[in-house]
Amino acid sequence: MATNIDIDQEKLAQIMSMKQFKTKKEAVNEALNEYLKNLLRQQVLTWKGSNAWEGDLEQMRLD
């Protein structure tokens, strides 16, 4: 699916040279993947301690 977007060409060129991407598409897709991974990490951190388990591990081991 083709999409037209206005991208900062200087930043794109810098990223492409640092990671040695062959195409702009490859660089943009990698940036999107990294951004999504970062958002997912942040979401997981908000879950920390939000659902404390109240089971009895010792009892479960005996069963």
C-alpha atoms as a PDB file:
ATOM      1  CA  MET A   1       0.000   0.000   0.000  1.00  0.00           C
ATOM      2  CA  ALA A   2       1.552   3.276  -1.088  1.00  0.00           C
ATOM      3  CA  THR A   3       1.446   6.224   1.304  1.00  0.00           C
ATOM      4  CA  ASN A   4       2.897   9.683   0.825  1.00  0.00           C
ATOM      5  CA  ILE A   5       4.390  11.294   3.932  1.00  0.00           C
ATOM      6  CA  ASP A   6       6.642  14.276   4.522  1.00  0.00           C
ATOM      7  CA  ILE A   7       9.795  13.042   6.292  1.00  0.00           C
ATOM      8  CA  ASP A   8      12.775  15.055   7.521  1.00  0.00           C
ATOM      9  CA  GLN A   9      15.259  14.100   4.793  1.00  0.00           C
ATOM     10  CA  GLU A  10      18.334  15.028   6.839  1.00  0.00           C
ATOM     11  CA  LYS A  11      17.336  12.742   9.702  1.00  0.00           C
ATOM     12  CA  LEU A  12      16.395   9.981   7.289  1.00  0.00           C
ATOM     13  CA  ALA A  13      19.764  10.257   5.528  1.00  0.00           C
ATOM     14  CA  GLN A  14      21.590  10.173   8.862  1.00  0.00           C
ATOM     15  CA  ILE A  15      19.679   7.084   9.990  1.00  0.00           C
ATOM     16  CA  MET A  16      20.221   5.364   6.652  1.00  0.00           C
ATOM     17  CA  SER A  17      23.966   5.961   6.779  1.00  0.00           C
ATOM     18  CA  MET A  18      24.320   4.909  10.418  1.00  0.00           C
ATOM     19  CA  LYS A  19      22.426   1.637  10.007  1.00  0.00           C
ATOM     20  CA  GLN A  20      23.311   1.189   6.332  1.00  0.00           C
ATOM     21  CA  PHE A  21      19.753   0.731   5.126  1.00  0.00           C
ATOM     22  CA  LYS A  22      19.454   0.157   1.404  1.00  0.00           C
ATOM     23  CA  THR A  23      16.079   1.858   0.968  1.00  0.00           C
ATOM     24  CA  LYS A  24      14.053   4.592   2.608  1.00  0.00           C
ATOM     25  CA  LYS A  25      11.216   2.110   3.024  1.00  0.00           C
ATOM     26  CA  GLU A  26      13.492  -0.208   4.992  1.00  0.00           C
ATOM     27  CA  ALA A  27      14.596   2.655   7.267  1.00  0.00           C
ATOM     28  CA  VAL A  28      11.043   3.874   7.896  1.00  0.00           C
ATOM     29  CA  ASN A  29       9.739   0.361   8.602  1.00  0.00           C
ATOM     30  CA  GLU A  30      12.578  -0.276  11.054  1.00  0.00           C
ATOM     31  CA  ALA A  31      11.862   3.039  12.793  1.00  0.00           C
ATOM     32  CA  LEU A  32       8.180   2.116  13.093  1.00  0.00           C
ATOM     33  CA  ASN A  33       9.076  -1.309  14.505  1.00  0.00           C
ATOM     34  CA  GLU A  34      11.441   0.207  17.077  1.00  0.00           C
ATOM     35  CA  TYR A  35       8.880   2.823  18.097  1.00  0.00           C
ATOM     36  CA  LEU A  36       6.193   0.165  18.516  1.00  0.00           C
ATOM     37  CA  LYS A  37       8.520  -2.012  20.631  1.00  0.00           C
ATOM     38  CA  ASN A  38       9.249   0.994  22.834  1.00  0.00           C
ATOM     39  CA  LEU A  39       5.537   1.714  23.297  1.00  0.00           C
ATOM     40  CA  LEU A  40       4.879  -1.929  24.181  1.00  0.00           C
ATOM     41  CA  ARG A  41       7.712  -1.874  26.749  1.00  0.00           C
ATOM     42  CA  GLN A  42       6.224   1.243  28.316  1.00  0.00           C
ATOM     43  CA  GLN A  43       2.813  -0.431  28.454  1.00  0.00           C
ATOM     44  CA  VAL A  44       4.241  -3.509  30.167  1.00  0.00           C
ATOM     45  CA  LEU A  45       5.908  -1.299  32.783  1.00  0.00           C
ATOM     46  CA  THR A  46       2.532   0.215  33.659  1.00  0.00           C
ATOM     47  CA  TRP A  47       1.248  -3.281  34.425  1.00  0.00           C
ATOM     48  CA  LYS A  48       3.985  -3.932  36.993  1.00  0.00           C
ATOM     49  CA  GLY A  49       2.360  -4.567  40.356  1.00  0.00           C
ATOM     50  CA  SER A  50      -1.111  -3.785  39.062  1.00  0.00           C
ATOM     51  CA  ASN A  51      -2.422  -7.320  39.409  1.00  0.00           C
ATOM     52  CA  ALA A  52      -0.795  -8.891  42.442  1.00  0.00           C
ATOM     53  CA  TRP A  53      -1.211 -12.640  42.627  1.00  0.00           C
ATOM     54  CA  GLU A  54      -2.811 -13.831  45.856  1.00  0.00           C
ATOM     55  CA  GLY A  55      -2.332 -17.576  45.573  1.00  0.00           C
ATOM     56  CA  ASP A  56      -0.420 -19.902  47.908  1.00  0.00           C
ATOM     57  CA  LEU A  57       2.573 -21.265  46.031  1.00  0.00           C
ATOM     58  CA  GLU A  58       3.486 -23.703  48.814  1.00  0.00           C
ATOM     59  CA  GLN A  59      -0.023 -25.174  48.769  1.00  0.00           C
ATOM     60  CA  MET A  60       0.077 -25.487  44.985  1.00  0.00           C
ATOM     61  CA  ARG A  61       3.327 -27.439  45.227  1.00  0.00           C
ATOM     62  CA  LEU A  62       1.736 -29.891  47.648  1.00  0.00           C
ATOM     63  CA  ASP A  63      -1.290 -30.542  45.420  1.00  0.00           C
END
